[in-house]
Amino acid sequence: MTNYRKSRKSYPNGILLITDNKKYFDRYSVYYEPYEHRHNNQMVFPYVGMSEYPYSPQGFGQHGELDFRYSVRGTNEKILNFEDLPIDCKKLVRQDLKEGV
């Protein structure tokens, strides 16, 4: 597999980029290292978008996949360190990494 560059060297293994748009309900996005799709041999980039409380009934936490490296981040998005994420967001990401997203 190709080696993909992390946006921050301090990210835990498996994470390529963490952003905060500071505007929308799903303000935090975490983009994971890709895997090869078994049917078409293309790389797939999994991600999770979430609010500050992704486990809450009033919160948001949803996974998705991109068939290209994450899109160009918006001008209002800030690149975050992993430790800058809210506690519940870090918990969700750690769970994803443990389960091998």
Protein backbone atom coordinates (compact mmCIF):
# COMPACT_ATOMS: atom_id res chain seq x y z
CA MET A 1 0.00 0.00 0.00
CA THR A 2 1.13 3.55 -0.71
CA ASN A 3 2.31 5.58 2.23
CA TYR A 4 -0.03 8.56 2.79
CA ARG A 5 1.26 11.67 4.53
CA LYS A 6 -0.40 12.78 7.74
CA SER A 7 -1.27 16.47 8.06
CA ARG A 8 0.23 16.42 11.55
CA LYS A 9 3.00 14.06 12.68
CA SER A 10 1.42 13.90 16.14
CA TYR A 11 -1.74 12.16 14.88
CA PRO A 12 -2.31 8.62 16.12
CA ASN A 13 -1.58 5.93 13.53
CA GLY A 14 -4.45 5.63 11.08
CA ILE A 15 -5.41 9.31 10.93
CA LEU A 16 -4.51 11.57 7.99
CA LEU A 17 -6.38 14.78 8.78
CA ILE A 18 -8.66 16.36 11.42
CA THR A 19 -10.63 19.52 10.62
CA ASP A 20 -13.04 21.84 12.39
CA ASN A 21 -15.35 24.05 10.32
CA LYS A 22 -16.57 25.92 13.46
CA LYS A 23 -19.85 26.67 11.72
CA TYR A 24 -22.00 23.62 11.05
CA PHE A 25 -23.52 20.99 13.31
CA ASP A 26 -21.12 18.36 11.96
CA ARG A 27 -18.17 20.62 12.59
CA TYR A 28 -15.47 17.99 13.20
CA SER A 29 -14.18 15.68 10.46
CA VAL A 30 -11.55 12.96 10.84
CA TYR A 31 -10.10 11.36 7.71
CA TYR A 32 -8.54 7.92 8.09
CA GLU A 33 -5.88 6.07 6.11
CA PRO A 34 -7.31 4.41 3.00
CA TYR A 35 -7.89 0.79 2.17
CA GLU A 36 -8.13 -0.91 -1.19
CA HIS A 37 -11.66 -1.65 -2.37
CA ARG A 38 -11.88 -5.37 -3.11
CA HIS A 39 -14.05 -5.09 -6.24
CA ASN A 40 -12.43 -2.29 -8.22
CA ASN A 41 -8.96 -2.09 -6.62
CA GLN A 42 -9.36 1.64 -5.94
CA MET A 43 -8.32 3.29 -2.72
CA VAL A 44 -11.18 4.29 -0.41
CA PHE A 45 -10.73 6.98 2.25
CA PRO A 46 -13.01 6.48 5.28
CA TYR A 47 -13.98 9.45 7.44
CA VAL A 48 -16.28 10.41 10.28
CA GLY A 49 -18.14 13.70 10.62
CA MET A 50 -19.41 14.64 14.07
CA SER A 51 -20.69 17.25 16.44
CA GLU A 52 -19.18 17.89 19.86
CA TYR A 53 -21.37 15.13 21.34
CA PRO A 54 -21.54 12.35 18.72
CA TYR A 55 -23.12 9.84 21.15
CA SER A 56 -25.96 12.13 22.23
CA PRO A 57 -29.47 11.76 20.72
CA GLN A 58 -29.19 15.48 19.90
CA GLY A 59 -25.66 15.04 18.54
CA PHE A 60 -24.28 13.82 15.24
CA GLY A 61 -21.74 11.19 14.28
CA GLN A 62 -21.75 9.63 10.84
CA HIS A 63 -19.21 7.64 8.85
CA GLY A 64 -18.63 7.84 5.14
CA GLU A 65 -16.10 7.05 2.45
CA LEU A 66 -14.45 9.06 -0.30
CA ASP A 67 -12.99 7.53 -3.43
CA PHE A 68 -10.25 10.15 -3.48
CA ARG A 69 -8.03 11.73 -0.86
CA TYR A 70 -10.09 14.17 1.20
CA SER A 71 -11.31 17.16 -0.71
CA VAL A 72 -9.60 20.49 -0.43
CA ARG A 73 -10.59 21.87 2.92
CA GLY A 74 -12.71 24.96 2.98
CA THR A 75 -11.21 28.35 3.73
CA ASN A 76 -12.95 28.46 7.11
CA GLU A 77 -11.80 25.02 8.22
CA LYS A 78 -9.01 24.73 10.71
CA ILE A 79 -6.66 21.74 10.94
CA LEU A 80 -6.74 20.39 14.49
CA ASN A 81 -4.46 18.30 16.63
CA PHE A 82 -6.03 15.09 17.90
CA GLU A 83 -5.90 16.42 21.47
CA ASP A 84 -7.96 19.47 20.41
CA LEU A 85 -11.02 17.31 19.69
CA PRO A 86 -13.78 17.20 22.34
CA ILE A 87 -13.64 14.19 24.68
CA ASP A 88 -16.52 12.29 23.05
CA CYS A 89 -15.05 12.84 19.57
CA LYS A 90 -11.70 11.41 20.69
CA LYS A 91 -13.56 8.46 22.18
CA LEU A 92 -15.35 7.78 18.88
CA VAL A 93 -12.13 8.04 16.86
CA ARG A 94 -10.24 5.73 19.25
CA GLN A 95 -13.07 3.22 18.94
CA ASP A 96 -12.89 3.46 15.12
CA LEU A 97 -9.13 2.92 15.14
CA LYS A 98 -9.46 -0.03 17.51
CA GLU A 99 -12.07 -1.65 15.27
CA GLY A 100 -10.02 -0.99 12.15
CA VAL A 101 -12.18 1.46 10.27
